[in-house]
Protein backbone atom coordinates (compact mmCIF):
# COMPACT_ATOMS: atom_id res chain seq x y z
CA UNK A 1 53.50 42.59 15.65
CA UNK A 2 56.34 39.99 16.99
CA UNK A 3 55.29 36.58 18.27
CA UNK A 4 56.96 33.78 20.38
CA UNK A 5 56.13 30.32 21.31
CA UNK A 6 55.80 29.76 24.60
CA UNK A 7 58.47 27.71 25.28
CA UNK A 8 60.83 30.14 23.33
CA UNK A 9 59.43 32.90 25.74
CA UNK A 10 60.46 31.08 28.96
CA UNK A 11 64.17 31.38 27.60
CA UNK A 12 63.79 34.76 26.62
CA UNK A 13 61.40 36.24 29.06
CA UNK A 14 64.11 39.29 30.12
CA UNK A 15 64.42 40.26 26.75
CA UNK A 16 60.50 40.08 25.82
CA UNK A 17 59.89 42.29 29.01
CA UNK A 18 62.46 44.73 28.04
CA UNK A 19 61.04 45.10 24.52
CA UNK A 20 57.52 45.54 25.98
CA UNK A 21 58.33 48.23 28.85
CA UNK A 22 60.69 50.31 26.96
CA UNK A 23 60.04 50.07 23.27
CA UNK A 24 56.46 49.60 23.75
CA UNK A 25 56.33 46.54 21.55
CA UNK A 26 53.41 44.07 21.84
CA UNK A 27 54.41 40.18 21.57
CA UNK A 28 51.57 37.50 21.00
CA UNK A 29 52.23 34.33 22.79
CA UNK A 30 51.61 31.05 21.04
CA UNK A 31 50.96 27.71 22.31
CA UNK A 32 51.11 24.86 19.64
CA UNK A 33 50.76 27.36 16.97
CA UNK A 34 47.68 29.14 18.49
CA UNK A 35 47.53 32.67 19.94
CA UNK A 36 46.81 32.31 23.60
CA UNK A 37 48.27 35.54 25.05
CA UNK A 38 49.54 38.99 24.66
CA UNK A 39 52.31 40.86 26.17
CA UNK A 40 51.78 44.45 25.98
CA UNK A 41 52.82 47.90 27.91
CA UNK A 42 50.83 49.00 30.76
CA UNK A 43 49.93 52.32 28.71
CA UNK A 44 47.99 49.74 26.35
CA UNK A 45 46.31 47.98 29.48
CA UNK A 46 45.23 51.33 30.99
CA UNK A 47 43.62 52.33 27.70
CA UNK A 48 41.86 49.25 27.55
CA UNK A 49 40.44 49.65 31.28
CA UNK A 50 39.58 53.49 30.24
CA UNK A 51 37.44 52.21 27.62
CA UNK A 52 35.82 49.33 29.58
CA UNK A 53 34.64 52.03 32.28
CA UNK A 54 33.06 54.21 29.57
CA UNK A 55 31.02 51.08 28.04
CA UNK A 56 30.39 50.43 31.50
CA UNK A 57 29.04 53.72 32.63
CA UNK A 58 27.03 53.95 29.12
CA UNK A 59 25.50 50.67 29.64
CA UNK A 60 24.67 51.73 33.42
CA UNK A 61 22.99 54.87 32.38
CA UNK A 62 21.02 53.10 29.52
CA UNK A 63 19.79 50.47 32.02
CA UNK A 64 18.69 53.15 34.50
CA UNK A 65 16.41 54.89 31.77
CA UNK A 66 14.78 51.76 31.45
CA UNK A 67 11.32 51.57 32.59
CA UNK A 68 10.14 49.00 35.03
CA UNK A 69 12.41 47.33 37.63
CA UNK A 70 13.15 43.81 38.41
CA UNK A 71 12.65 42.93 42.47
CA UNK A 72 15.68 41.73 43.91
CA UNK A 73 14.02 38.56 45.14
CA UNK A 74 13.21 37.74 41.41
CA UNK A 75 16.57 38.36 40.16
CA UNK A 76 18.13 35.96 43.05
CA UNK A 77 15.37 33.26 42.08
CA UNK A 78 16.30 33.63 38.22
CA UNK A 79 19.91 33.28 39.03
CA UNK A 80 19.54 30.34 41.29
CA UNK A 81 21.26 32.21 44.32
CA UNK A 82 20.63 30.92 47.70
CA UNK A 83 22.63 33.67 49.54
CA UNK A 84 21.59 37.14 50.48
CA UNK A 85 24.51 38.88 48.77
CA UNK A 86 26.45 38.62 45.60
CA UNK A 87 29.74 40.09 45.04
CA UNK A 88 31.61 40.42 42.18
CA UNK A 89 34.67 38.22 41.65
CA UNK A 90 36.45 40.57 39.66
CA UNK A 91 36.81 44.41 40.15
CA UNK A 92 34.51 45.44 37.28
CA UNK A 93 30.99 44.73 36.78
CA UNK A 94 30.45 42.15 34.17
CA UNK A 95 27.55 40.84 32.14
CA UNK A 96 28.45 36.94 32.78
CA UNK A 97 26.83 35.03 35.76
CA UNK A 98 29.86 33.00 36.03
CA UNK A 99 31.71 35.97 37.45
CA UNK A 100 29.73 36.12 40.33
CA UNK A 101 30.92 34.54 43.73
CA UNK A 102 28.03 33.78 46.58
CA UNK A 103 28.98 34.86 49.78
CA UNK A 104 27.50 35.51 53.42
CA UNK A 105 24.98 32.93 54.79
CA UNK A 106 22.39 31.05 53.19
CA UNK A 107 18.97 32.22 52.73
CA UNK A 108 16.54 29.99 54.79
């Protein structure tokens, strides 16, 4: 797999994008010698998203089979939420509390 330093990538971005888009190449981007990102074809992204979707569905089905439920009021209290509604900051459900954004009016 090819790798480029971030400063070199700035100079060669057009060539790098062509290699990724047309040759299906993956390019690791490094900053100060550490891997920080990857340029990859859209097909790779779509495959990763499909895998994430399958994992999310499997976890949701498993959770639905569990006995007992936690009341919404208790969940809000445990998460320290003051608002009545939580929305995901990302288009996919994730398992980290930090990905939630509080919206709507504050509960009294």
